[in-house]
């Protein structure tokens, strides 16, 4: 009996007798999408990189103009790249993305 959907774990897809590997996530144009079409891993990766960039030496200054320019130059592009595609809809993921900027204000 042929099983369809999530219960079909054993079907092998092939092109020209080359078996395609089974993957749980794919990175395309810099965006990581999992097999459930969710972006949790992508959001985790960009927030991790944003925290790393926010801890650079230029963010240790108290000059508000320098902090604003550094944030706009180094951190904001990570958060905004293709955000129309991966825009989070779960509260936990929204808080994770917003925490980068809130954490920067506390330092």
PDB file of N, CA and C in Angstrom:
ATOM      1  N   UNK A   1       0.838  -1.174   0.000  1.00  0.00           N
ATOM      2  CA  UNK A   1       0.000   0.000   0.000  1.00  0.00           C
ATOM      3  C   UNK A   1       0.891   1.248   0.000  1.00  0.00           C
ATOM      4  N   UNK A   2       0.634   2.178  -0.896  1.00  0.00           N
ATOM      5  CA  UNK A   2       1.407   3.406  -1.008  1.00  0.00           C
ATOM      6  C   UNK A   2       0.925   4.420   0.013  1.00  0.00           C
ATOM      7  N   UNK A   3       1.846   4.953   0.812  1.00  0.00           N
ATOM      8  CA  UNK A   3       1.500   5.958   1.821  1.00  0.00           C
ATOM      9  C   UNK A   3       1.921   7.325   1.313  1.00  0.00           C
ATOM     10  N   UNK A   4       1.057   8.283   1.511  1.00  0.00           N
ATOM     11  CA  UNK A   4       1.315   9.632   1.037  1.00  0.00           C
ATOM     12  C   UNK A   4       1.626  10.567   2.199  1.00  0.00           C
ATOM     13  N   UNK A   5       2.241  11.702   1.894  1.00  0.00           N
ATOM     14  CA  UNK A   5       2.452  12.767   2.875  1.00  0.00           C
ATOM     15  C   UNK A   5       3.518  12.448   3.892  1.00  0.00           C
ATOM     16  N   UNK A   6       3.263  12.872   5.155  1.00  0.00           N
ATOM     17  CA  UNK A   6       4.247  12.724   6.225  1.00  0.00           C
ATOM     18  C   UNK A   6       4.576  11.272   6.532  1.00  0.00           C
ATOM     19  N   UNK A   7       3.648  10.360   6.269  1.00  0.00           N
ATOM     20  CA  UNK A   7       3.905   8.963   6.584  1.00  0.00           C
ATOM     21  C   UNK A   7       4.778   8.287   5.521  1.00  0.00           C
ATOM     22  N   UNK A   8       5.044   8.946   4.408  1.00  0.00           N
ATOM     23  CA  UNK A   8       5.869   8.386   3.347  1.00  0.00           C
ATOM     24  C   UNK A   8       7.331   8.747   3.607  1.00  0.00           C
ATOM     25  N   UNK A   9       8.005   7.950   4.399  1.00  0.00           N
ATOM     26  CA  UNK A   9       9.402   8.209   4.765  1.00  0.00           C
ATOM     27  C   UNK A   9      10.400   7.438   3.907  1.00  0.00           C
ATOM     28  N   UNK A  10       9.939   6.469   3.147  1.00  0.00           N
ATOM     29  CA  UNK A  10      10.867   5.573   2.472  1.00  0.00           C
ATOM     30  C   UNK A  10      10.938   5.755   0.968  1.00  0.00           C
ATOM     31  N   UNK A  11      10.226   6.687   0.420  1.00  0.00           N
ATOM     32  CA  UNK A  11      10.243   6.853  -1.014  1.00  0.00           C
ATOM     33  C   UNK A  11      11.501   7.600  -1.435  1.00  0.00           C
ATOM     34  N   UNK A  12      12.180   7.096  -2.433  1.00  0.00           N
ATOM     35  CA  UNK A  12      13.406   7.722  -2.935  1.00  0.00           C
ATOM     36  C   UNK A  12      13.090   8.427  -4.246  1.00  0.00           C
ATOM     37  N   UNK A  13      13.430   9.698  -4.310  1.00  0.00           N
ATOM     38  CA  UNK A  13      13.261  10.460  -5.543  1.00  0.00           C
ATOM     39  C   UNK A  13      14.562  10.415  -6.325  1.00  0.00           C
ATOM     40  N   UNK A  14      14.454  10.368  -7.654  1.00  0.00           N
ATOM     41  CA  UNK A  14      15.672  10.346  -8.458  1.00  0.00           C
ATOM     42  C   UNK A  14      15.464  11.113  -9.760  1.00  0.00           C
ATOM     43  N   UNK A  15      16.575  11.587 -10.284  1.00  0.00           N
ATOM     44  CA  UNK A  15      16.609  12.252 -11.586  1.00  0.00           C
ATOM     45  C   UNK A  15      17.736  11.600 -12.370  1.00  0.00           C
ATOM     46  N   UNK A  16      17.404  11.066 -13.545  1.00  0.00           N
ATOM     47  CA  UNK A  16      18.384  10.372 -14.387  1.00  0.00           C
ATOM     48  C   UNK A  16      19.131   9.289 -13.603  1.00  0.00           C
ATOM     49  N   UNK A  17      18.402   8.497 -12.849  1.00  0.00           N
ATOM     50  CA  UNK A  17      18.942   7.396 -12.044  1.00  0.00           C
ATOM     51  C   UNK A  17      19.904   7.855 -10.948  1.00  0.00           C
ATOM     52  N   UNK A  18      19.870   9.129 -10.604  1.00  0.00           N
ATOM     53  CA  UNK A  18      20.657   9.653  -9.494  1.00  0.00           C
ATOM     54  C   UNK A  18      19.691   9.914  -8.335  1.00  0.00           C
ATOM     55  N   UNK A  19      19.896   9.214  -7.228  1.00  0.00           N
ATOM     56  CA  UNK A  19      19.001   9.341  -6.074  1.00  0.00           C
ATOM     57  C   UNK A  19      19.263  10.680  -5.386  1.00  0.00           C
ATOM     58  N   UNK A  20      18.193  11.436  -5.171  1.00  0.00           N
ATOM     59  CA  UNK A  20      18.311  12.719  -4.485  1.00  0.00           C
ATOM     60  C   UNK A  20      18.339  12.496  -2.976  1.00  0.00           C
ATOM     61  N   UNK A  21      19.221  13.209  -2.274  1.00  0.00           N
ATOM     62  CA  UNK A  21      19.304  13.016  -0.821  1.00  0.00           C
ATOM     63  C   UNK A  21      18.102  13.636  -0.115  1.00  0.00           C
ATOM     64  N   UNK A  22      17.724  13.037   1.014  1.00  0.00           N
ATOM     65  CA  UNK A  22      16.666  13.601   1.852  1.00  0.00           C
ATOM     66  C   UNK A  22      17.280  14.660   2.757  1.00  0.00           C
ATOM     67  N   UNK A  23      16.709  15.834   2.776  1.00  0.00           N
ATOM     68  CA  UNK A  23      17.205  16.919   3.621  1.00  0.00           C
ATOM     69  C   UNK A  23      16.058  17.459   4.460  1.00  0.00           C
ATOM     70  N   UNK A  24      16.396  18.020   5.617  1.00  0.00           N
ATOM     71  CA  UNK A  24      15.368  18.595   6.483  1.00  0.00           C
ATOM     72  C   UNK A  24      15.324  20.106   6.388  1.00  0.00           C
ATOM     73  N   UNK A  25      16.398  20.723   5.845  1.00  0.00           N
ATOM     74  CA  UNK A  25      16.386  22.165   5.655  1.00  0.00           C
ATOM     75  C   UNK A  25      17.254  22.528   4.460  1.00  0.00           C
ATOM     76  N   UNK A  26      16.913  23.674   3.877  1.00  0.00           N
ATOM     77  CA  UNK A  26      17.596  24.135   2.674  1.00  0.00           C
ATOM     78  C   UNK A  26      17.922  25.609   2.837  1.00  0.00           C
ATOM     79  N   UNK A  27      19.101  26.011   2.355  1.00  0.00           N
ATOM     80  CA  UNK A  27      19.476  27.418   2.366  1.00  0.00           C
ATOM     81  C   UNK A  27      19.434  27.920   0.932  1.00  0.00           C
ATOM     82  N   UNK A  28      18.563  28.893   0.685  1.00  0.00           N
ATOM     83  CA  UNK A  28      18.403  29.450  -0.648  1.00  0.00           C
ATOM     84  C   UNK A  28      18.391  30.963  -0.538  1.00  0.00           C
ATOM     85  N   UNK A  29      19.279  31.620  -1.273  1.00  0.00           N
ATOM     86  CA  UNK A  29      19.430  33.072  -1.236  1.00  0.00           C
ATOM     87  C   UNK A  29      19.695  33.576   0.184  1.00  0.00           C
ATOM     88  N   UNK A  30      20.393  32.767   0.976  1.00  0.00           N
ATOM     89  CA  UNK A  30      20.756  33.161   2.320  1.00  0.00           C
ATOM     90  C   UNK A  30      19.679  32.940   3.359  1.00  0.00           C
ATOM     91  N   UNK A  31      18.572  32.340   2.992  1.00  0.00           N
ATOM     92  CA  UNK A  31      17.479  32.094   3.930  1.00  0.00           C
ATOM     93  C   UNK A  31      17.342  30.594   4.139  1.00  0.00           C
ATOM     94  N   UNK A  32      17.328  30.188   5.404  1.00  0.00           N
ATOM     95  CA  UNK A  32      17.210  28.768   5.742  1.00  0.00           C
ATOM     96  C   UNK A  32      15.741  28.433   5.979  1.00  0.00           C
ATOM     97  N   UNK A  33      15.250  27.442   5.237  1.00  0.00           N
ATOM     98  CA  UNK A  33      13.859  26.991   5.350  1.00  0.00           C
ATOM     99  C   UNK A  33      13.880  25.517   5.713  1.00  0.00           C
ATOM    100  N   UNK A  34      13.081  25.134   6.711  1.00  0.00           N
ATOM    101  CA  UNK A  34      13.054  23.722   7.080  1.00  0.00           C
ATOM    102  C   UNK A  34      11.945  22.983   6.331  1.00  0.00           C
ATOM    103  N   UNK A  35      11.819  21.705   6.595  1.00  0.00           N
ATOM    104  CA  UNK A  35      10.864  20.867   5.863  1.00  0.00           C
ATOM    105  C   UNK A  35       9.412  21.212   6.178  1.00  0.00           C
ATOM    106  N   UNK A  36       9.172  21.997   7.234  1.00  0.00           N
ATOM    107  CA  UNK A  36       7.816  22.435   7.560  1.00  0.00           C
ATOM    108  C   UNK A  36       7.547  23.864   7.089  1.00  0.00           C
ATOM    109  N   UNK A  37       8.461  24.406   6.282  1.00  0.00           N
ATOM    110  CA  UNK A  37       8.388  25.774   5.759  1.00  0.00           C
ATOM    111  C   UNK A  37       8.377  26.810   6.882  1.00  0.00           C
ATOM    112  N   UNK A  38       9.188  26.563   7.895  1.00  0.00           N
ATOM    113  CA  UNK A  38       9.344  27.495   9.006  1.00  0.00           C
ATOM    114  C   UNK A  38      10.767  28.040   8.992  1.00  0.00           C
ATOM    115  N   UNK A  39      10.959  29.174   9.634  1.00  0.00           N
ATOM    116  CA  UNK A  39      12.233  29.881   9.566  1.00  0.00           C
ATOM    117  C   UNK A  39      12.907  29.994  10.926  1.00  0.00           C
ATOM    118  N   UNK A  40      12.619  29.082  11.842  1.00  0.00           N
ATOM    119  CA  UNK A  40      13.177  29.153  13.188  1.00  0.00           C
ATOM    120  C   UNK A  40      14.702  29.123  13.169  1.00  0.00           C
ATOM    121  N   UNK A  41      15.298  28.236  12.430  1.00  0.00           N
ATOM    122  CA  UNK A  41      16.764  28.139  12.351  1.00  0.00           C
ATOM    123  C   UNK A  41      17.354  29.397  11.735  1.00  0.00           C
ATOM    124  N   UNK A  42      16.709  29.942  10.706  1.00  0.00           N
ATOM    125  CA  UNK A  42      17.194  31.161  10.073  1.00  0.00           C
ATOM    126  C   UNK A  42      17.187  32.322  11.065  1.00  0.00           C
ATOM    127  N   UNK A  43      16.101  32.472  11.806  1.00  0.00           N
ATOM    128  CA  UNK A  43      15.997  33.560  12.778  1.00  0.00           C
ATOM    129  C   UNK A  43      17.037  33.382  13.877  1.00  0.00           C
ATOM    130  N   UNK A  44      17.255  32.155  14.311  1.00  0.00           N
ATOM    131  CA  UNK A  44      18.295  31.895  15.315  1.00  0.00           C
ATOM    132  C   UNK A  44      19.668  32.291  14.781  1.00  0.00           C
ATOM    133  N   UNK A  45      19.961  31.948  13.543  1.00  0.00           N
ATOM    134  CA  UNK A  45      21.260  32.278  12.958  1.00  0.00           C
ATOM    135  C   UNK A  45      21.466  33.780  12.823  1.00  0.00           C
ATOM    136  N   UNK A  46      20.456  34.509  12.342  1.00  0.00           N
ATOM    137  CA  UNK A  46      20.658  35.946  12.166  1.00  0.00           C
ATOM    138  C   UNK A  46      20.736  36.676  13.501  1.00  0.00           C
ATOM    139  N   UNK A  47      19.993  36.228  14.500  1.00  0.00           N
ATOM    140  CA  UNK A  47      20.093  36.891  15.801  1.00  0.00           C
ATOM    141  C   UNK A  47      21.440  36.599  16.452  1.00  0.00           C
ATOM    142  N   UNK A  48      21.964  35.403  16.257  1.00  0.00           N
ATOM    143  CA  UNK A  48      23.296  35.085  16.779  1.00  0.00           C
ATOM    144  C   UNK A  48      24.350  35.957  16.128  1.00  0.00           C
ATOM    145  N   UNK A  49      24.303  36.087  14.816  1.00  0.00           N
ATOM    146  CA  UNK A  49      25.270  36.943  14.123  1.00  0.00           C
ATOM    147  C   UNK A  49      25.092  38.408  14.491  1.00  0.00           C
ATOM    148  N   UNK A  50      23.860  38.848  14.699  1.00  0.00           N
ATOM    149  CA  UNK A  50      23.610  40.237  15.091  1.00  0.00           C
ATOM    150  C   UNK A  50      24.171  40.512  16.482  1.00  0.00           C
ATOM    151  N   UNK A  51      24.020  39.567  17.415  1.00  0.00           N
ATOM    152  CA  UNK A  51      24.599  39.729  18.755  1.00  0.00           C
ATOM    153  C   UNK A  51      26.123  39.787  18.672  1.00  0.00           C
ATOM    154  N   UNK A  52      26.716  38.970  17.817  1.00  0.00           N
ATOM    155  CA  UNK A  52      28.167  38.992  17.657  1.00  0.00           C
ATOM    156  C   UNK A  52      28.630  40.338  17.128  1.00  0.00           C
ATOM    157  N   UNK A  53      27.939  40.855  16.141  1.00  0.00           N
ATOM    158  CA  UNK A  53      28.312  42.157  15.599  1.00  0.00           C
ATOM    159  C   UNK A  53      28.055  43.280  16.593  1.00  0.00           C
ATOM    160  N   UNK A  54      27.007  43.161  17.387  1.00  0.00           N
ATOM    161  CA  UNK A  54      26.695  44.197  18.361  1.00  0.00           C
ATOM    162  C   UNK A  54      27.727  44.251  19.480  1.00  0.00           C
ATOM    163  N   UNK A  55      28.478  43.191  19.661  1.00  0.00           N
ATOM    164  CA  UNK A  55      29.501  43.188  20.707  1.00  0.00           C
ATOM    165  C   UNK A  55      30.856  43.676  20.188  1.00  0.00           C
ATOM    166  N   UNK A  56      30.881  44.242  19.003  1.00  0.00           N
ATOM    167  CA  UNK A  56      32.120  44.798  18.466  1.00  0.00           C
ATOM    168  C   UNK A  56      32.565  45.996  19.292  1.00  0.00           C
ATOM    169  N   UNK A  57      33.802  46.372  19.145  1.00  0.00           N
ATOM    170  CA  UNK A  57      34.389  47.452  19.925  1.00  0.00           C
ATOM    171  C   UNK A  57      33.668  48.792  19.720  1.00  0.00           C
ATOM    172  N   UNK A  58      33.176  49.057  18.535  1.00  0.00           N
ATOM    173  CA  UNK A  58      32.527  50.344  18.275  1.00  0.00           C
ATOM    174  C   UNK A  58      31.245  50.515  19.080  1.00  0.00           C
ATOM    175  N   UNK A  59      30.654  49.419  19.561  1.00  0.00           N
ATOM    176  CA  UNK A  59      29.437  49.516  20.353  1.00  0.00           C
ATOM    177  C   UNK A  59      29.734  49.784  21.833  1.00  0.00           C
ATOM    178  N   UNK A  60      30.977  49.859  22.213  1.00  0.00           N
ATOM    179  CA  UNK A  60      31.337  50.156  23.594  1.00  0.00           C
ATOM    180  C   UNK A  60      31.356  51.663  23.846  1.00  0.00           C
ATOM    181  N   UNK A  61      31.266  52.448  22.810  1.00  0.00           N
ATOM    182  CA  UNK A  61      31.269  53.904  22.925  1.00  0.00           C
ATOM    183  C   UNK A  61      29.962  54.381  23.561  1.00  0.00           C
ATOM    184  N   UNK A  62      29.988  55.582  24.106  1.00  0.00           N
ATOM    185  CA  UNK A  62      28.778  56.190  24.670  1.00  0.00           C
ATOM    186  C   UNK A  62      28.216  57.269  23.744  1.00  0.00           C
ATOM    187  N   UNK A  63      28.886  57.495  22.612  1.00  0.00           N
ATOM    188  CA  UNK A  63      28.434  58.506  21.663  1.00  0.00           C
ATOM    189  C   UNK A  63      27.202  57.989  20.916  1.00  0.00           C
ATOM    190  N   UNK A  64      26.026  58.620  21.098  1.00  0.00           N
ATOM    191  CA  UNK A  64      24.798  58.114  20.469  1.00  0.00           C
ATOM    192  C   UNK A  64      24.858  58.113  18.946  1.00  0.00           C
ATOM    193  N   UNK A  65      25.503  59.102  18.346  1.00  0.00           N
ATOM    194  CA  UNK A  65      25.604  59.156  16.887  1.00  0.00           C
ATOM    195  C   UNK A  65      26.427  57.980  16.367  1.00  0.00           C
ATOM    196  N   UNK A  66      27.540  57.691  17.025  1.00  0.00           N
ATOM    197  CA  UNK A  66      28.385  56.565  16.616  1.00  0.00           C
ATOM    198  C   UNK A  66      27.652  55.236  16.800  1.00  0.00           C
ATOM    199  N   UNK A  67      26.941  55.103  17.904  1.00  0.00           N
ATOM    200  CA  UNK A  67      26.179  53.870  18.135  1.00  0.00           C
ATOM    201  C   UNK A  67      25.095  53.675  17.088  1.00  0.00           C
ATOM    202  N   UNK A  68      24.409  54.752  16.736  1.00  0.00           N
ATOM    203  CA  UNK A  68      23.363  54.664  15.717  1.00  0.00           C
ATOM    204  C   UNK A  68      23.951  54.257  14.370  1.00  0.00           C
ATOM    205  N   UNK A  69      25.030  54.913  13.971  1.00  0.00           N
ATOM    206  CA  UNK A  69      25.667  54.583  12.687  1.00  0.00           C
ATOM    207  C   UNK A  69      26.187  53.148  12.666  1.00  0.00           C
ATOM    208  N   UNK A  70      26.791  52.710  13.761  1.00  0.00           N
ATOM    209  CA  UNK A  70      27.317  51.344  13.818  1.00  0.00           C
ATOM    210  C   UNK A  70      26.180  50.331  13.736  1.00  0.00           C
ATOM    211  N   UNK A  71      25.090  50.577  14.429  1.00  0.00           N
ATOM    212  CA  UNK A  71      23.948  49.667  14.391  1.00  0.00           C
ATOM    213  C   UNK A  71      23.358  49.605  12.985  1.00  0.00           C
ATOM    214  N   UNK A  72      23.167  50.769  12.355  1.00  0.00           N
ATOM    215  CA  UNK A  72      22.588  50.822  11.006  1.00  0.00           C
ATOM    216  C   UNK A  72      23.505  50.144   9.996  1.00  0.00           C
ATOM    217  N   UNK A  73      24.806  50.279  10.181  1.00  0.00           N
ATOM    218  CA  UNK A  73      25.763  49.726   9.225  1.00  0.00           C
ATOM    219  C   UNK A  73      26.000  48.239   9.407  1.00  0.00           C
ATOM    220  N   UNK A  74      26.109  47.772  10.646  1.00  0.00           N
ATOM    221  CA  UNK A  74      26.541  46.400  10.898  1.00  0.00           C
ATOM    222  C   UNK A  74      25.429  45.430  11.293  1.00  0.00           C
ATOM    223  N   UNK A  75      24.436  45.893  12.029  1.00  0.00           N
ATOM    224  CA  UNK A  75      23.447  44.976  12.590  1.00  0.00           C
ATOM    225  C   UNK A  75      22.143  44.974  11.798  1.00  0.00           C
ATOM    226  N   UNK A  76      21.641  46.131  11.481  1.00  0.00           N
ATOM    227  CA  UNK A  76      20.329  46.208  10.833  1.00  0.00           C
ATOM    228  C   UNK A  76      20.252  45.467   9.500  1.00  0.00           C
ATOM    229  N   UNK A  77      21.297  45.490   8.664  1.00  0.00           N
ATOM    230  CA  UNK A  77      21.199  44.708   7.417  1.00  0.00           C
ATOM    231  C   UNK A  77      20.967  43.216   7.641  1.00  0.00           C
ATOM    232  N   UNK A  78      21.522  42.659   8.711  1.00  0.00           N
ATOM    233  CA  UNK A  78      21.275  41.247   9.016  1.00  0.00           C
ATOM    234  C   UNK A  78      19.811  41.007   9.327  1.00  0.00           C
ATOM    235  N   UNK A  79      19.235  41.906  10.107  1.00  0.00           N
ATOM    236  CA  UNK A  79      17.836  41.745  10.517  1.00  0.00           C
ATOM    237  C   UNK A  79      16.856  42.009   9.386  1.00  0.00           C
ATOM    238  N   UNK A  80      17.233  42.823   8.420  1.00  0.00           N
ATOM    239  CA  UNK A  80      16.277  43.246   7.402  1.00  0.00           C
ATOM    240  C   UNK A  80      16.412  42.519   6.068  1.00  0.00           C
ATOM    241  N   UNK A  81      17.448  41.721   5.886  1.00  0.00           N
ATOM    242  CA  UNK A  81      17.631  41.044   4.607  1.00  0.00           C
ATOM    243  C   UNK A  81      16.491  40.056   4.367  1.00  0.00           C
ATOM    244  N   UNK A  82      15.715  40.283   3.319  1.00  0.00           N
ATOM    245  CA  UNK A  82      14.578  39.444   2.934  1.00  0.00           C
ATOM    246  C   UNK A  82      13.596  39.200   4.069  1.00  0.00           C
ATOM    247  N   UNK A  83      13.405  40.189   4.927  1.00  0.00           N
ATOM    248  CA  UNK A  83      12.493  40.005   6.068  1.00  0.00           C
ATOM    249  C   UNK A  83      11.046  39.824   5.604  1.00  0.00           C
ATOM    250  N   UNK A  84      10.723  40.207   4.388  1.00  0.00           N
ATOM    251  CA  UNK A  84       9.376  39.975   3.874  1.00  0.00           C
ATOM    252  C   UNK A  84       9.118  38.485   3.704  1.00  0.00           C
ATOM    253  N   UNK A  85      10.162  37.724   3.464  1.00  0.00           N
ATOM    254  CA  UNK A  85      10.019  36.283   3.267  1.00  0.00           C
ATOM    255  C   UNK A  85       9.941  35.557   4.606  1.00  0.00           C
ATOM    256  N   UNK A  86      10.886  35.835   5.515  1.00  0.00           N
ATOM    257  CA  UNK A  86      10.983  35.061   6.750  1.00  0.00           C
ATOM    258  C   UNK A  86      10.312  35.735   7.941  1.00  0.00           C
ATOM    259  N   UNK A  87       9.538  36.758   7.716  1.00  0.00           N
ATOM    260  CA  UNK A  87       8.900  37.516   8.795  1.00  0.00           C
ATOM    261  C   UNK A  87       8.262  36.582   9.830  1.00  0.00           C
ATOM    262  N   UNK A  88       8.691  36.676  11.087  1.00  0.00           N
ATOM    263  CA  UNK A  88       8.181  35.742  12.093  1.00  0.00           C
ATOM    264  C   UNK A  88       6.728  36.024  12.458  1.00  0.00           C
ATOM    265  N   UNK A  89       5.990  34.971  12.706  1.00  0.00           N
ATOM    266  CA  UNK A  89       4.595  35.118  13.120  1.00  0.00           C
ATOM    267  C   UNK A  89       4.371  34.599  14.535  1.00  0.00           C
ATOM    268  N   UNK A  90       5.352  33.922  15.108  1.00  0.00           N
ATOM    269  CA  UNK A  90       5.235  33.437  16.479  1.00  0.00           C
ATOM    270  C   UNK A  90       5.842  34.467  17.433  1.00  0.00           C
ATOM    271  N   UNK A  91       5.218  34.657  18.570  1.00  0.00           N
ATOM    272  CA  UNK A  91       5.658  35.664  19.541  1.00  0.00           C
ATOM    273  C   UNK A  91       7.091  35.401  19.988  1.00  0.00           C
ATOM    274  N   UNK A  92       7.443  34.153  20.202  1.00  0.00           N
ATOM    275  CA  UNK A  92       8.799  33.833  20.659  1.00  0.00           C
ATOM    276  C   UNK A  92       9.848  34.241  19.634  1.00  0.00           C
ATOM    277  N   UNK A  93       9.559  34.046  18.352  1.00  0.00           N
ATOM    278  CA  UNK A  93      10.516  34.432  17.314  1.00  0.00           C
ATOM    279  C   UNK A  93      10.576  35.943  17.153  1.00  0.00           C
ATOM    280  N   UNK A  94       9.446  36.622  17.305  1.00  0.00           N
ATOM    281  CA  UNK A  94       9.433  38.088  17.234  1.00  0.00           C
ATOM    282  C   UNK A  94      10.276  38.659  18.366  1.00  0.00           C
ATOM    283  N   UNK A  95      10.118  38.118  19.558  1.00  0.00           N
ATOM    284  CA  UNK A  95      10.918  38.597  20.704  1.00  0.00           C
ATOM    285  C   UNK A  95      12.395  38.331  20.488  1.00  0.00           C
ATOM    286  N   UNK A  96      12.727  37.217  19.875  1.00  0.00           N
ATOM    287  CA  UNK A  96      14.122  36.883  19.618  1.00  0.00           C
ATOM    288  C   UNK A  96      14.752  37.903  18.672  1.00  0.00           C
ATOM    289  N   UNK A  97      14.016  38.297  17.635  1.00  0.00           N
ATOM    290  CA  UNK A  97      14.532  39.285  16.679  1.00  0.00           C
ATOM    291  C   UNK A  97      14.632  40.662  17.339  1.00  0.00           C
ATOM    292  N   UNK A  98      13.639  41.041  18.121  1.00  0.00           N
ATOM    293  CA  UNK A  98      13.637  42.357  18.762  1.00  0.00           C
ATOM    294  C   UNK A  98      14.648  42.454  19.895  1.00  0.00           C
ATOM    295  N   UNK A  99      15.029  41.336  20.477  1.00  0.00           N
ATOM    296  CA  UNK A  99      15.951  41.340  21.604  1.00  0.00           C
ATOM    297  C   UNK A  99      17.316  41.899  21.227  1.00  0.00           C
ATOM    298  N   UNK A 100      17.710  41.748  19.979  1.00  0.00           N
ATOM    299  CA  UNK A 100      18.999  42.263  19.534  1.00  0.00           C
ATOM    300  C   UNK A 100      19.076  43.759  19.785  1.00  0.00           C
ATOM    301  N   UNK A 101      18.088  44.496  19.368  1.00  0.00           N
ATOM    302  CA  UNK A 101      18.092  45.942  19.538  1.00  0.00           C
ATOM    303  C   UNK A 101      17.869  46.327  21.002  1.00  0.00           C
ATOM    304  N   UNK A 102      16.992  45.630  21.708  1.00  0.00           N
ATOM    305  CA  UNK A 102      16.741  45.950  23.109  1.00  0.00           C
ATOM    306  C   UNK A 102      17.974  45.690  23.953  1.00  0.00           C
ATOM    307  N   UNK A 103      18.697  44.624  23.677  1.00  0.00           N
ATOM    308  CA  UNK A 103      19.889  44.289  24.409  1.00  0.00           C
ATOM    309  C   UNK A 103      20.985  45.326  24.179  1.00  0.00           C
ATOM    310  N   UNK A 104      21.038  45.874  22.989  1.00  0.00           N
ATOM    311  CA  UNK A 104      22.031  46.885  22.650  1.00  0.00           C
ATOM    312  C   UNK A 104      21.793  48.155  23.462  1.00  0.00           C
ATOM    313  N   UNK A 105      20.550  48.488  23.699  1.00  0.00           N
ATOM    314  CA  UNK A 105      20.224  49.698  24.463  1.00  0.00           C
ATOM    315  C   UNK A 105      20.645  49.594  25.913  1.00  0.00           C
ATOM    316  N   UNK A 106      20.650  48.388  26.467  1.00  0.00           N
ATOM    317  CA  UNK A 106      20.993  48.198  27.877  1.00  0.00           C
ATOM    318  C   UNK A 106      22.491  48.394  28.135  1.00  0.00           C
ATOM    319  N   UNK A 107      23.316  48.100  27.134  1.00  0.00           N
ATOM    320  CA  UNK A 107      24.778  48.158  27.330  1.00  0.00           C
ATOM    321  C   UNK A 107      25.286  49.562  27.469  1.00  0.00           C
TER     322      UNK A 107
END
